[in-house]
Every structure is written in structure tokens, then in C-alpha cells.
Amino acid sequence: MKAAVIESVGRAVVTEVPDPTPGPREVVVEVAACGLCGTDLHILQGEFAPKLPIVPGHEFAGEVVGVGDRVTEVSVGDRVAVDPSLYCYECRYCRTGHNNLCERWAAIGVTTAGGAAKYAVAPVANCVKLPEHVRTQDAALIEPLSCAVRGYDVLRSRLGSHVLIYGSGTMGLMMLELAKRTGAASVDMVDLNPARLETARGLGVSASAATPDELDRPQGWDLVIDATGNAAAIQDGLDRVAKAGTFLQFGVADYATRVQIDPYRIYNQEITITGSMAVLHSYERAAELFANGVLDPDVFISDRIPLDRYPEALEQFAAGVGRKIVVVP
């Protein structure tokens, strides 16, 4: 079958690889669409994936075309979205409910072959059936949405909060949509990309600008979310948190990123700094939210690019052009 392969640091190709076969409790999914994510860029840069080469792609959905001999939950022909998370269920973190921090953490498309291919294998337990009205090619959005849902689980945000989001890419826009639905009094957004800010305005952001200095909230924001992973944005955001407020590190920074904190201010103003890592007990809820229309796929997906052009799609994504880019086998 045809698949995208990150062969080595900085090199991605499209080539032929063997067709997958399912284990007893696995299914084979014919991929309808696979989203690109910042994690894919980290893998290309030599981070995250424990070894290369790897077939990337952890945001995907498709049709079941093969099942293992112990699979009863789904059948050939069912359309499913796939949670890529693979946990050991044995380590201390799994046993205390923090599976996303598993000591043996693994994921489809990161540690095992993923969905940037014609076919992909997944445990049946990771498959969520799609309702009739959900288009399979749109359902690749469920995985990033489940990360955003996890972010809001961490926040336990109060009604009436004033929210500032750094970055109006896919994840920032998803956090915007969830903020609107969790009772935020206002949601402001900053980004250096005017086209992306225009999308945010179309989705009903309260105010938008290239920098918070252009926004009218001198006392700061109750909740500041970084969805960029950019050191300058993170550093600026830490200074924008209001007294008793919270800063959420949601964007994925590279390993070398460093910022400074002000310990006295954190103490004196009771500021909380927290993080959100991937998916945790949130995939099924994200699938239900998606089916209920929390996101408009035609707004969020800007490009549907053939799998043959996967390296080109990665380059476009790295350049920050468009919103969610999906590849279509």
C-alpha cells in the first residue's frame, strides 16, 4: 500500500509499504482523511518518535475493512474515528487515572504506523463509530478536538471568565469554540497572522489583535491559553494573567524552549500555571461534541491534499499557511 514515511530527520517521502494485518483485537481502517499536526513536525525534527522510519498520522478516520478474530464491537463497513492513544494500563500513572502520562506512553502515528497511509491498524477499543450525518473525511478533526476537551478538563474554568488565547491556528480556534460553550464572558485572541485572525473573527471572538497591548484589558485575563508553543508568546502570556488567574500551556513547545517566571508574583497574586498533555478520557466526548456541531469542518479544514503530496503538505503546514490540513489517500 501507499504511505507517507518520515525516513530520517528532515526527510519525508511517499512510498510503498506492506499492507497491515490486524491482531485478534485490532481492526484495519481504510483511511478517509488524516490530519497534520505540530507533532508531525516534531517527529520530522527528530523529536517525539522513539525511532525512525515511521508512518506518521495520529488524526484519522475511515472505514473498517478488516477485523481480528476476537473483534465483536465493529464490523467491516463501519465508519470510525480512531483515538491514537496507546497505554500500558500497568504503571503508576495509568493506575491513578493519568494514562496520558503513562511511563510506556505510545501512540498510533508516533510509536507505531499511523494514518498517513491507505490503511492503518488500530485496537478496536480505540475506535468510535461515526453517526450517519458525520462525513468520514471530516472526522479527522475529532482527535485534536479531544485534546482541546482535555485542556478544558484541566482548567475547570469558572463561568464569566475573561479568556485570552495566543494563536489562532486549529488548536487556538478549537479552544475558542470551547470557551464560548463553557460560559466565558469574553474570548480575545492574538496572532501575527492576519488571515488566521480573520477566521477567529468569523467564529465570534470578542476581540483580536497582533498583540495584547492593542486590547483593552489592563488588569489582565482570568485565563490565558498558549496555543502556539512559541517562547515569546508564552513569556508574554505569563505576564498577562490577572490576579487569581490561570495560565495554560496548551501549545507544544520544542524541548529547548525556556521562559522565565516571577515566583513572588505567582505567590502574591495566587496565579496558577498548568499544562495539558494530549488526550485523556476525552475522545468519546469530543466525538459527541463533533457530531452535535461544535465545529464547522468547512471552516476548520482549509486544505485537503492528496497523500502523494504529503511532503508538500508538511511544508505548507510548517509555513503556517491555512488552518487544518488533511491528506486524503
C-alpha atoms as a PDB file:
ATOM      1  CA  MET A   1       0.000   0.000   0.000  1.00  0.00           C
ATOM      2  CA  LYS A   2       0.970   3.642  -0.375  1.00  0.00           C
ATOM      3  CA  ALA A   3       2.055   5.511   2.758  1.00  0.00           C
ATOM      4  CA  ALA A   4       3.898   8.601   3.879  1.00  0.00           C
ATOM      5  CA  VAL A   5       7.072   7.735   5.753  1.00  0.00           C
ATOM      6  CA  ILE A   6       9.315  10.007   7.816  1.00  0.00           C
ATOM      7  CA  GLU A   7      12.542   8.193   6.965  1.00  0.00           C
ATOM      8  CA  SER A   8      15.023  10.308   8.872  1.00  0.00           C
ATOM      9  CA  VAL A   9      15.326  13.728  10.452  1.00  0.00           C
ATOM     10  CA  GLY A  10      14.127  16.285   7.909  1.00  0.00           C
ATOM     11  CA  ARG A  11      13.106  13.754   5.269  1.00  0.00           C
ATOM     12  CA  ALA A  12       9.558  12.605   4.463  1.00  0.00           C
ATOM     13  CA  VAL A  13       8.651  10.522   1.406  1.00  0.00           C
ATOM     14  CA  VAL A  14       5.648   8.704  -0.037  1.00  0.00           C
ATOM     15  CA  THR A  15       6.391   5.086  -0.807  1.00  0.00           C
ATOM     16  CA  GLU A  16       5.002   1.558  -0.854  1.00  0.00           C
ATOM     17  CA  VAL A  17       4.892  -0.386   2.416  1.00  0.00           C
ATOM     18  CA  PRO A  18       3.356  -3.783   3.261  1.00  0.00           C
ATOM     19  CA  ASP A  19      -0.396  -3.935   3.843  1.00  0.00           C
ATOM     20  CA  PRO A  20      -1.202  -4.194   7.563  1.00  0.00           C
ATOM     21  CA  THR A  21      -2.883  -7.213   9.143  1.00  0.00           C
ATOM     22  CA  PRO A  22      -4.946  -6.974  12.338  1.00  0.00           C
ATOM     23  CA  GLY A  23      -4.218  -8.768  15.591  1.00  0.00           C
ATOM     24  CA  PRO A  24      -7.019 -10.583  17.422  1.00  0.00           C
ATOM     25  CA  ARG A  25      -8.424  -7.388  18.972  1.00  0.00           C
ATOM     26  CA  GLU A  26      -7.496  -4.992  16.158  1.00  0.00           C
ATOM     27  CA  VAL A  27      -9.123  -3.626  13.036  1.00  0.00           C
ATOM     28  CA  VAL A  28      -7.814  -2.420   9.698  1.00  0.00           C
ATOM     29  CA  VAL A  29      -9.141   1.002   8.706  1.00  0.00           C
ATOM     30  CA  GLU A  30      -9.157   2.273   5.149  1.00  0.00           C
ATOM     31  CA  VAL A  31      -8.211   5.868   5.852  1.00  0.00           C
ATOM     32  CA  ALA A  32     -10.541   8.560   4.507  1.00  0.00           C
ATOM     33  CA  ALA A  33      -8.511  11.505   5.803  1.00  0.00           C
ATOM     34  CA  CYS A  34      -5.547  12.134   8.094  1.00  0.00           C
ATOM     35  CA  GLY A  35      -4.843  15.484   9.691  1.00  0.00           C
ATOM     36  CA  LEU A  36      -1.432  17.103  10.014  1.00  0.00           C
ATOM     37  CA  CYS A  37      -0.379  18.271  13.467  1.00  0.00           C
ATOM     38  CA  GLY A  38       2.523  20.019  15.140  1.00  0.00           C
ATOM     39  CA  THR A  39       3.540  16.632  16.495  1.00  0.00           C
ATOM     40  CA  ASP A  40       4.280  15.534  12.917  1.00  0.00           C
ATOM     41  CA  LEU A  41       6.691  18.438  12.565  1.00  0.00           C
ATOM     42  CA  HIS A  42       8.378  17.470  15.827  1.00  0.00           C
ATOM     43  CA  ILE A  43       8.793  13.915  14.528  1.00  0.00           C
ATOM     44  CA  LEU A  44      10.293  15.322  11.314  1.00  0.00           C
ATOM     45  CA  GLN A  45      12.729  17.298  13.504  1.00  0.00           C
ATOM     46  CA  GLY A  46      13.786  14.159  15.362  1.00  0.00           C
ATOM     47  CA  GLU A  47      11.599  14.610  18.457  1.00  0.00           C
ATOM     48  CA  PHE A  48       8.776  12.544  19.979  1.00  0.00           C
ATOM     49  CA  ALA A  49       9.029   9.381  17.876  1.00  0.00           C
ATOM     50  CA  PRO A  50      11.403   6.945  19.604  1.00  0.00           C
ATOM     51  CA  LYS A  51      12.760   5.719  16.287  1.00  0.00           C
ATOM     52  CA  LEU A  52      12.593   6.369  12.572  1.00  0.00           C
ATOM     53  CA  PRO A  53      11.385   5.496  10.000  1.00  0.00           C
ATOM     54  CA  ILE A  54       7.715   5.822  10.979  1.00  0.00           C
ATOM     55  CA  VAL A  55       4.433   6.190   9.133  1.00  0.00           C
ATOM     56  CA  PRO A  56       3.037   9.324  10.825  1.00  0.00           C
ATOM     57  CA  GLY A  57      -0.570  10.374  11.279  1.00  0.00           C
ATOM     58  CA  HIS A  58      -2.426  10.247  14.586  1.00  0.00           C
ATOM     59  CA  GLU A  59      -5.529  12.188  13.494  1.00  0.00           C
ATOM     60  CA  PHE A  60      -7.530   9.930  11.202  1.00  0.00           C
ATOM     61  CA  ALA A  61     -10.840   8.329  10.414  1.00  0.00           C
ATOM     62  CA  GLY A  62     -12.052   5.842   7.846  1.00  0.00           C
ATOM     63  CA  GLU A  63     -13.946   2.654   7.094  1.00  0.00           C
ATOM     64  CA  VAL A  64     -13.292  -0.707   8.726  1.00  0.00           C
ATOM     65  CA  VAL A  65     -12.136  -3.162   6.052  1.00  0.00           C
ATOM     66  CA  GLY A  66     -10.722  -5.934   8.235  1.00  0.00           C
ATOM     67  CA  VAL A  67     -11.209  -7.217  11.773  1.00  0.00           C
ATOM     68  CA  GLY A  68      -9.324  -9.569  14.089  1.00  0.00           C
ATOM     69  CA  ASP A  69     -10.878 -12.871  15.100  1.00  0.00           C
ATOM     70  CA  ARG A  70     -11.818 -11.569  18.573  1.00  0.00           C
ATOM     71  CA  VAL A  71     -13.461  -8.326  17.437  1.00  0.00           C
ATOM     72  CA  THR A  72     -17.215  -8.075  18.018  1.00  0.00           C
ATOM     73  CA  GLU A  73     -17.752  -4.350  18.608  1.00  0.00           C
ATOM     74  CA  VAL A  74     -17.417  -3.202  14.986  1.00  0.00           C
ATOM     75  CA  SER A  75     -17.907  -4.817  11.606  1.00  0.00           C
ATOM     76  CA  VAL A  76     -16.493  -4.425   8.115  1.00  0.00           C
ATOM     77  CA  GLY A  77     -18.161  -1.377   6.583  1.00  0.00           C
ATOM     78  CA  ASP A  78     -18.482   0.594   9.819  1.00  0.00           C
ATOM     79  CA  ARG A  79     -17.088   4.127   9.701  1.00  0.00           C
ATOM     80  CA  VAL A  80     -14.898   5.020  12.659  1.00  0.00           C
ATOM     81  CA  ALA A  81     -12.671   7.714  14.110  1.00  0.00           C
ATOM     82  CA  VAL A  82      -9.575   6.456  15.909  1.00  0.00           C
ATOM     83  CA  ASP A  83      -8.142   7.520  19.250  1.00  0.00           C
ATOM     84  CA  PRO A  84      -4.379   7.104  18.711  1.00  0.00           C
ATOM     85  CA  SER A  85      -3.507   6.745  22.414  1.00  0.00           C
ATOM     86  CA  LEU A  86      -1.815   3.504  23.494  1.00  0.00           C
ATOM     87  CA  TYR A  87      -1.327   2.958  27.223  1.00  0.00           C
ATOM     88  CA  CYS A  88       0.196   0.163  29.282  1.00  0.00           C
ATOM     89  CA  TYR A  89      -2.535   0.287  31.986  1.00  0.00           C
ATOM     90  CA  GLU A  90       0.058  -1.075  34.444  1.00  0.00           C
ATOM     91  CA  CYS A  91       2.331   1.780  35.504  1.00  0.00           C
ATOM     92  CA  ARG A  92       1.723   4.112  38.441  1.00  0.00           C
ATOM     93  CA  TYR A  93       0.247   6.844  36.253  1.00  0.00           C
ATOM     94  CA  CYS A  94      -2.149   4.539  34.445  1.00  0.00           C
ATOM     95  CA  ARG A  95      -3.264   3.051  37.762  1.00  0.00           C
ATOM     96  CA  THR A  96      -4.001   6.528  39.161  1.00  0.00           C
ATOM     97  CA  GLY A  97      -6.003   7.625  36.119  1.00  0.00           C
ATOM     98  CA  HIS A  98      -3.280   9.666  34.409  1.00  0.00           C
ATOM     99  CA  ASN A  99      -2.963   7.400  31.369  1.00  0.00           C
ATOM    100  CA  ASN A 100      -1.763  10.249  29.161  1.00  0.00           C
ATOM    101  CA  LEU A 101       1.364  10.364  31.358  1.00  0.00           C
ATOM    102  CA  CYS A 102       1.940   6.614  31.013  1.00  0.00           C
ATOM    103  CA  GLU A 103       5.539   5.580  31.641  1.00  0.00           C
ATOM    104  CA  ARG A 104       5.326   3.471  28.474  1.00  0.00           C
ATOM    105  CA  TRP A 105       3.293   6.052  26.541  1.00  0.00           C
ATOM    106  CA  ALA A 106       2.799   5.196  22.900  1.00  0.00           C
ATOM    107  CA  ALA A 107       0.550   6.355  20.084  1.00  0.00           C
ATOM    108  CA  ILE A 108      -0.519   5.332  16.617  1.00  0.00           C
ATOM    109  CA  GLY A 109       1.407   7.540  14.200  1.00  0.00           C
ATOM    110  CA  VAL A 110       4.149   8.275  16.734  1.00  0.00           C
ATOM    111  CA  THR A 111       5.473   4.941  18.005  1.00  0.00           C
ATOM    112  CA  THR A 112       3.590   2.637  15.598  1.00  0.00           C
ATOM    113  CA  ALA A 113       2.474   3.101  11.990  1.00  0.00           C
ATOM    114  CA  GLY A 114      -0.229   5.733  11.644  1.00  0.00           C
ATOM    115  CA  GLY A 115      -2.929   7.039   9.367  1.00  0.00           C
ATOM    116  CA  ALA A 116      -0.899   8.838   6.693  1.00  0.00           C
ATOM    117  CA  ALA A 117      -1.454   5.778   4.537  1.00  0.00           C
ATOM    118  CA  LYS A 118      -4.122   3.933   2.596  1.00  0.00           C
ATOM    119  CA  TYR A 119      -4.688   1.562   5.533  1.00  0.00           C
ATOM    120  CA  ALA A 120      -3.965   1.722   9.266  1.00  0.00           C
ATOM    121  CA  VAL A 121      -4.307  -0.743  12.158  1.00  0.00           C
ATOM    122  CA  ALA A 122      -5.902   0.225  15.468  1.00  0.00           C
ATOM    123  CA  PRO A 123      -7.138  -1.568  18.595  1.00  0.00           C
ATOM    124  CA  VAL A 124     -10.896  -1.960  18.419  1.00  0.00           C
ATOM    125  CA  ALA A 125     -11.126  -0.273  21.829  1.00  0.00           C
ATOM    126  CA  ASN A 126      -9.763   2.896  20.213  1.00  0.00           C
ATOM    127  CA  CYS A 127     -12.443   3.060  17.521  1.00  0.00           C
ATOM    128  CA  VAL A 128     -15.527   5.248  17.836  1.00  0.00           C
ATOM    129  CA  LYS A 129     -18.353   4.671  15.363  1.00  0.00           C
ATOM    130  CA  LEU A 130     -19.479   7.702  13.425  1.00  0.00           C
ATOM    131  CA  PRO A 131     -23.170   8.623  13.110  1.00  0.00           C
ATOM    132  CA  GLU A 132     -24.680   8.763   9.642  1.00  0.00           C
ATOM    133  CA  HIS A 133     -24.649  12.554   9.337  1.00  0.00           C
ATOM    134  CA  VAL A 134     -20.898  12.924  10.042  1.00  0.00           C
ATOM    135  CA  ARG A 135     -18.699  12.891   6.941  1.00  0.00           C
ATOM    136  CA  THR A 136     -15.815  10.468   7.354  1.00  0.00           C
ATOM    137  CA  GLN A 137     -13.299  12.869   5.808  1.00  0.00           C
ATOM    138  CA  ASP A 138     -14.236  15.495   8.409  1.00  0.00           C
ATOM    139  CA  ALA A 139     -13.865  13.167  11.401  1.00  0.00           C
ATOM    140  CA  ALA A 140     -10.065  13.557  11.466  1.00  0.00           C
ATOM    141  CA  LEU A 141     -10.896  16.700  13.481  1.00  0.00           C
ATOM    142  CA  ILE A 142     -12.107  14.630  16.424  1.00  0.00           C
ATOM    143  CA  GLU A 143      -8.618  13.832  17.722  1.00  0.00           C
ATOM    144  CA  PRO A 144      -7.419  17.447  18.013  1.00  0.00           C
ATOM    145  CA  LEU A 145     -10.805  18.359  19.476  1.00  0.00           C
ATOM    146  CA  SER A 146     -10.297  15.678  22.123  1.00  0.00           C
ATOM    147  CA  CYS A 147      -7.013  17.375  23.065  1.00  0.00           C
ATOM    148  CA  ALA A 148      -8.884  20.666  23.466  1.00  0.00           C
ATOM    149  CA  VAL A 149     -11.520  18.951  25.613  1.00  0.00           C
ATOM    150  CA  ARG A 150      -8.712  17.611  27.800  1.00  0.00           C
ATOM    151  CA  GLY A 151      -7.393  21.161  28.115  1.00  0.00           C
ATOM    152  CA  TYR A 152     -10.709  22.351  29.471  1.00  0.00           C
ATOM    153  CA  ASP A 153     -10.834  19.396  31.839  1.00  0.00           C
ATOM    154  CA  VAL A 154      -7.566  20.658  33.323  1.00  0.00           C
ATOM    155  CA  LEU A 155      -8.849  24.220  33.603  1.00  0.00           C
ATOM    156  CA  ARG A 156     -12.119  23.580  35.426  1.00  0.00           C
ATOM    157  CA  SER A 157     -12.919  27.115  34.287  1.00  0.00           C
ATOM    158  CA  ARG A 158     -15.473  29.319  36.014  1.00  0.00           C
ATOM    159  CA  LEU A 159     -18.478  30.887  34.341  1.00  0.00           C
ATOM    160  CA  GLY A 160     -17.921  34.504  33.367  1.00  0.00           C
ATOM    161  CA  SER A 161     -14.149  34.282  32.894  1.00  0.00           C
ATOM    162  CA  HIS A 162     -12.261  36.600  30.564  1.00  0.00           C
ATOM    163  CA  VAL A 163     -10.062  34.495  28.269  1.00  0.00           C
ATOM    164  CA  LEU A 164      -7.017  35.344  26.156  1.00  0.00           C
ATOM    165  CA  ILE A 165      -5.761  32.840  23.572  1.00  0.00           C
ATOM    166  CA  TYR A 166      -2.385  33.082  21.856  1.00  0.00           C
ATOM    167  CA  GLY A 167      -2.523  31.604  18.356  1.00  0.00           C
ATOM    168  CA  SER A 168      -5.492  31.287  16.006  1.00  0.00           C
ATOM    169  CA  GLY A 169      -4.442  28.092  14.286  1.00  0.00           C
ATOM    170  CA  THR A 170      -6.576  24.974  14.520  1.00  0.00           C
ATOM    171  CA  MET A 171      -5.997  24.385  18.224  1.00  0.00           C
ATOM    172  CA  GLY A 172      -6.457  28.011  19.229  1.00  0.00           C
ATOM    173  CA  LEU A 173      -9.724  28.142  17.286  1.00  0.00           C
ATOM    174  CA  MET A 174     -10.901  24.945  18.956  1.00  0.00           C
ATOM    175  CA  MET A 175     -10.139  26.433  22.359  1.00  0.00           C
ATOM    176  CA  LEU A 176     -12.139  29.484  21.281  1.00  0.00           C
ATOM    177  CA  GLU A 177     -15.158  27.356  20.398  1.00  0.00           C
ATOM    178  CA  LEU A 178     -14.987  25.512  23.725  1.00  0.00           C
ATOM    179  CA  ALA A 179     -14.500  28.754  25.679  1.00  0.00           C
ATOM    180  CA  LYS A 180     -17.684  30.118  24.119  1.00  0.00           C
ATOM    181  CA  ARG A 181     -19.539  26.996  25.240  1.00  0.00           C
ATOM    182  CA  THR A 182     -18.158  26.916  28.776  1.00  0.00           C
ATOM    183  CA  GLY A 183     -19.525  30.293  29.772  1.00  0.00           C
ATOM    184  CA  ALA A 184     -16.671  32.709  29.078  1.00  0.00           C
ATOM    185  CA  ALA A 185     -17.633  36.361  29.443  1.00  0.00           C
ATOM    186  CA  SER A 186     -15.191  37.268  26.669  1.00  0.00           C
ATOM    187  CA  VAL A 187     -12.642  35.481  24.498  1.00  0.00           C
ATOM    188  CA  ASP A 188      -9.834  37.547  22.981  1.00  0.00           C
ATOM    189  CA  MET A 189      -7.230  36.222  20.571  1.00  0.00           C
ATOM    190  CA  VAL A 190      -3.798  37.367  19.425  1.00  0.00           C
ATOM    191  CA  ASP A 191      -1.849  36.197  16.399  1.00  0.00           C
ATOM    192  CA  LEU A 192       0.666  37.663  13.973  1.00  0.00           C
ATOM    193  CA  ASN A 193      -1.135  36.004  11.040  1.00  0.00           C
ATOM    194  CA  PRO A 194      -3.924  38.323   9.784  1.00  0.00           C
ATOM    195  CA  ALA A 195      -5.639  35.588   7.759  1.00  0.00           C
ATOM    196  CA  ARG A 196      -5.983  33.376  10.805  1.00  0.00           C
ATOM    197  CA  LEU A 197      -7.301  36.239  12.897  1.00  0.00           C
ATOM    198  CA  GLU A 198      -9.920  36.835  10.238  1.00  0.00           C
ATOM    199  CA  THR A 199     -11.141  33.261  10.764  1.00  0.00           C
ATOM    200  CA  ALA A 200     -11.280  33.882  14.510  1.00  0.00           C
ATOM    201  CA  ARG A 201     -13.407  36.965  13.947  1.00  0.00           C
ATOM    202  CA  GLY A 202     -15.739  34.909  11.772  1.00  0.00           C
ATOM    203  CA  LEU A 203     -16.142  32.455  14.653  1.00  0.00           C
ATOM    204  CA  GLY A 204     -17.167  35.206  17.037  1.00  0.00           C
ATOM    205  CA  VAL A 205     -14.049  36.110  19.002  1.00  0.00           C
ATOM    206  CA  SER A 206     -14.690  39.085  21.282  1.00  0.00           C
ATOM    207  CA  ALA A 207     -11.595  40.993  20.146  1.00  0.00           C
ATOM    208  CA  SER A 208      -8.455  40.193  18.168  1.00  0.00           C
ATOM    209  CA  ALA A 209      -5.095  41.822  17.598  1.00  0.00           C
ATOM    210  CA  ALA A 210      -1.446  41.196  16.815  1.00  0.00           C
ATOM    211  CA  THR A 211      -0.535  41.859  20.455  1.00  0.00           C
ATOM    212  CA  PRO A 212      -2.458  42.127  23.741  1.00  0.00           C
ATOM    213  CA  ASP A 213      -1.249  45.711  24.032  1.00  0.00           C
ATOM    214  CA  GLU A 214      -3.911  46.542  21.429  1.00  0.00           C
ATOM    215  CA  LEU A 215      -6.661  45.054  23.597  1.00  0.00           C
ATOM    216  CA  ASP A 216      -8.428  46.879  26.411  1.00  0.00           C
ATOM    217  CA  ARG A 217      -7.815  44.771  29.495  1.00  0.00           C
ATOM    218  CA  PRO A 218      -5.040  46.376  31.558  1.00  0.00           C
ATOM    219  CA  GLN A 219      -5.878  44.243  34.606  1.00  0.00           C
ATOM    220  CA  GLY A 220      -5.167  41.075  32.634  1.00  0.00           C
ATOM    221  CA  TRP A 221      -7.226  37.988  31.848  1.00  0.00           C
ATOM    222  CA  ASP A 222      -8.622  35.336  34.171  1.00  0.00           C
ATOM    223  CA  LEU A 223      -7.470  32.608  31.821  1.00  0.00           C
ATOM    224  CA  VAL A 224      -4.559  32.820  29.393  1.00  0.00           C
ATOM    225  CA  ILE A 225      -4.028  29.943  26.959  1.00  0.00           C
ATOM    226  CA  ASP A 226      -0.932  29.496  24.841  1.00  0.00           C
ATOM    227  CA  ALA A 227      -1.760  27.519  21.709  1.00  0.00           C
ATOM    228  CA  THR A 228       1.489  28.324  19.900  1.00  0.00           C
ATOM    229  CA  GLY A 229       4.385  26.692  21.735  1.00  0.00           C
ATOM    230  CA  ASN A 230       6.342  29.842  20.853  1.00  0.00           C
ATOM    231  CA  ALA A 231       8.686  31.109  23.576  1.00  0.00           C
ATOM    232  CA  ALA A 232       7.908  34.799  23.002  1.00  0.00           C
ATOM    233  CA  ALA A 233       4.154  34.178  23.142  1.00  0.00           C
ATOM    234  CA  ILE A 234       4.478  32.072  26.290  1.00  0.00           C
ATOM    235  CA  GLN A 235       6.639  34.662  28.025  1.00  0.00           C
ATOM    236  CA  ASP A 236       4.220  37.442  27.133  1.00  0.00           C
ATOM    237  CA  GLY A 237       1.213  35.375  28.175  1.00  0.00           C
ATOM    238  CA  LEU A 238       2.579  34.689  31.645  1.00  0.00           C
ATOM    239  CA  ASP A 239       2.635  38.428  32.243  1.00  0.00           C
ATOM    240  CA  ARG A 240      -0.992  38.865  31.139  1.00  0.00           C
ATOM    241  CA  VAL A 241      -2.620  36.643  33.767  1.00  0.00           C
ATOM    242  CA  ALA A 242      -4.856  38.549  36.175  1.00  0.00           C
ATOM    243  CA  LYS A 243      -4.738  38.065  39.932  1.00  0.00           C
ATOM    244  CA  ALA A 244      -6.066  34.607  40.907  1.00  0.00           C
ATOM    245  CA  GLY A 245      -5.920  33.701  37.209  1.00  0.00           C
ATOM    246  CA  THR A 246      -4.602  30.673  35.342  1.00  0.00           C
ATOM    247  CA  PHE A 247      -2.086  30.170  32.541  1.00  0.00           C
ATOM    248  CA  LEU A 248      -2.494  27.013  30.457  1.00  0.00           C
ATOM    249  CA  GLN A 249       0.424  25.722  28.389  1.00  0.00           C
ATOM    250  CA  PHE A 250      -1.532  24.022  25.625  1.00  0.00           C
ATOM    251  CA  GLY A 251       0.698  24.522  22.576  1.00  0.00           C
ATOM    252  CA  VAL A 252       3.563  22.079  22.091  1.00  0.00           C
ATOM    253  CA  ALA A 253       6.921  23.793  22.519  1.00  0.00           C
ATOM    254  CA  ASP A 254      10.150  22.155  21.416  1.00  0.00           C
ATOM    255  CA  TYR A 255      12.416  20.634  24.031  1.00  0.00           C
ATOM    256  CA  ALA A 256      14.796  23.599  24.145  1.00  0.00           C
ATOM    257  CA  THR A 257      12.166  26.293  24.799  1.00  0.00           C
ATOM    258  CA  ARG A 258      12.745  28.229  28.037  1.00  0.00           C
ATOM    259  CA  VAL A 259      10.895  31.125  29.673  1.00  0.00           C
ATOM    260  CA  GLN A 260      11.226  32.981  32.965  1.00  0.00           C
ATOM    261  CA  ILE A 261       8.675  33.086  35.763  1.00  0.00           C
ATOM    262  CA  ASP A 262       8.239  35.544  38.603  1.00  0.00           C
ATOM    263  CA  PRO A 263       7.878  33.386  41.745  1.00  0.00           C
ATOM    264  CA  TYR A 264       6.903  36.284  44.012  1.00  0.00           C
ATOM    265  CA  ARG A 265       4.084  37.323  41.677  1.00  0.00           C
ATOM    266  CA  ILE A 266       2.842  33.734  41.405  1.00  0.00           C
ATOM    267  CA  TYR A 267       2.739  33.579  45.203  1.00  0.00           C
ATOM    268  CA  ASN A 268       1.431  37.061  45.874  1.00  0.00           C
ATOM    269  CA  GLN A 269      -1.298  37.038  43.207  1.00  0.00           C
ATOM    270  CA  GLU A 270      -2.183  33.338  43.544  1.00  0.00           C
ATOM    271  CA  ILE A 271      -1.540  32.577  39.872  1.00  0.00           C
ATOM    272  CA  THR A 272      -1.849  29.012  38.626  1.00  0.00           C
ATOM    273  CA  ILE A 273       0.394  27.688  35.837  1.00  0.00           C
ATOM    274  CA  THR A 274      -0.637  24.346  34.392  1.00  0.00           C
ATOM    275  CA  GLY A 275      -0.353  22.181  31.294  1.00  0.00           C
ATOM    276  CA  SER A 276      -2.425  19.794  29.220  1.00  0.00           C
ATOM    277  CA  MET A 277      -0.926  16.752  27.526  1.00  0.00           C
ATOM    278  CA  ALA A 278      -2.744  15.117  24.601  1.00  0.00           C
ATOM    279  CA  VAL A 279      -5.886  13.047  25.206  1.00  0.00           C
ATOM    280  CA  LEU A 280      -7.287  11.707  28.480  1.00  0.00           C
ATOM    281  CA  HIS A 281     -10.797  10.242  28.762  1.00  0.00           C
ATOM    282  CA  SER A 282     -11.864  12.878  26.255  1.00  0.00           C
ATOM    283  CA  TYR A 283     -12.028  11.212  22.837  1.00  0.00           C
ATOM    284  CA  GLU A 284     -15.574   9.866  23.070  1.00  0.00           C
ATOM    285  CA  ARG A 285     -16.830  13.195  24.435  1.00  0.00           C
ATOM    286  CA  ALA A 286     -15.105  15.028  21.593  1.00  0.00           C
ATOM    287  CA  ALA A 287     -16.779  12.677  19.101  1.00  0.00           C
ATOM    288  CA  GLU A 288     -20.175  13.501  20.579  1.00  0.00           C
ATOM    289  CA  LEU A 289     -19.478  17.238  20.571  1.00  0.00           C
ATOM    290  CA  PHE A 290     -18.326  16.991  16.964  1.00  0.00           C
ATOM    291  CA  ALA A 291     -21.446  15.072  15.958  1.00  0.00           C
ATOM    292  CA  ASN A 292     -23.515  17.796  17.655  1.00  0.00           C
ATOM    293  CA  GLY A 293     -21.868  20.526  15.581  1.00  0.00           C
ATOM    294  CA  VAL A 294     -19.420  22.165  17.970  1.00  0.00           C
ATOM    295  CA  LEU A 295     -17.100  22.724  14.999  1.00  0.00           C
ATOM    296  CA  ASP A 296     -17.807  23.617  11.379  1.00  0.00           C
ATOM    297  CA  PRO A 297     -15.460  21.361   9.351  1.00  0.00           C
ATOM    298  CA  ASP A 298     -15.684  23.657   6.339  1.00  0.00           C
ATOM    299  CA  VAL A 299     -14.200  26.443   8.461  1.00  0.00           C
ATOM    300  CA  PHE A 300     -11.580  24.373  10.248  1.00  0.00           C
ATOM    301  CA  ILE A 301     -10.286  22.314   7.307  1.00  0.00           C
ATOM    302  CA  SER A 302      -8.640  24.687   4.857  1.00  0.00           C
ATOM    303  CA  ASP A 303      -6.860  22.151   2.623  1.00  0.00           C
ATOM    304  CA  ARG A 304      -7.487  18.558   1.541  1.00  0.00           C
ATOM    305  CA  ILE A 305      -4.289  17.397  -0.113  1.00  0.00           C
ATOM    306  CA  PRO A 306      -3.670  14.021  -1.815  1.00  0.00           C
ATOM    307  CA  LEU A 307      -1.422  11.654   0.126  1.00  0.00           C
ATOM    308  CA  ASP A 308       1.013  11.691  -2.811  1.00  0.00           C
ATOM    309  CA  ARG A 309       1.818  15.284  -1.851  1.00  0.00           C
ATOM    310  CA  TYR A 310       2.439  14.612   1.850  1.00  0.00           C
ATOM    311  CA  PRO A 311       5.914  16.249   1.939  1.00  0.00           C
ATOM    312  CA  GLU A 312       4.428  19.350   0.291  1.00  0.00           C
ATOM    313  CA  ALA A 313       1.569  19.350   2.803  1.00  0.00           C
ATOM    314  CA  LEU A 314       4.096  19.246   5.658  1.00  0.00           C
ATOM    315  CA  GLU A 315       5.950  22.212   4.175  1.00  0.00           C
ATOM    316  CA  GLN A 316       2.717  24.199   3.886  1.00  0.00           C
ATOM    317  CA  PHE A 317       1.788  23.356   7.455  1.00  0.00           C
ATOM    318  CA  ALA A 318       5.234  24.357   8.740  1.00  0.00           C
ATOM    319  CA  ALA A 319       4.893  27.682   6.916  1.00  0.00           C
ATOM    320  CA  GLY A 320       1.645  28.415   8.764  1.00  0.00           C
ATOM    321  CA  VAL A 321      -0.429  28.621   5.582  1.00  0.00           C
ATOM    322  CA  GLY A 322      -4.070  27.643   6.067  1.00  0.00           C
ATOM    323  CA  ARG A 323      -5.737  26.068   9.072  1.00  0.00           C
ATOM    324  CA  LYS A 324      -6.165  22.308   9.456  1.00  0.00           C
ATOM    325  CA  ILE A 325      -4.562  20.455   6.567  1.00  0.00           C
ATOM    326  CA  VAL A 326      -5.685  16.893   5.939  1.00  0.00           C
ATOM    327  CA  VAL A 327      -4.204  14.415   3.493  1.00  0.00           C
ATOM    328  CA  VAL A 328      -6.525  12.152   1.566  1.00  0.00           C
ATOM    329  CA  PRO A 329      -5.235   8.718   0.432  1.00  0.00           C
END
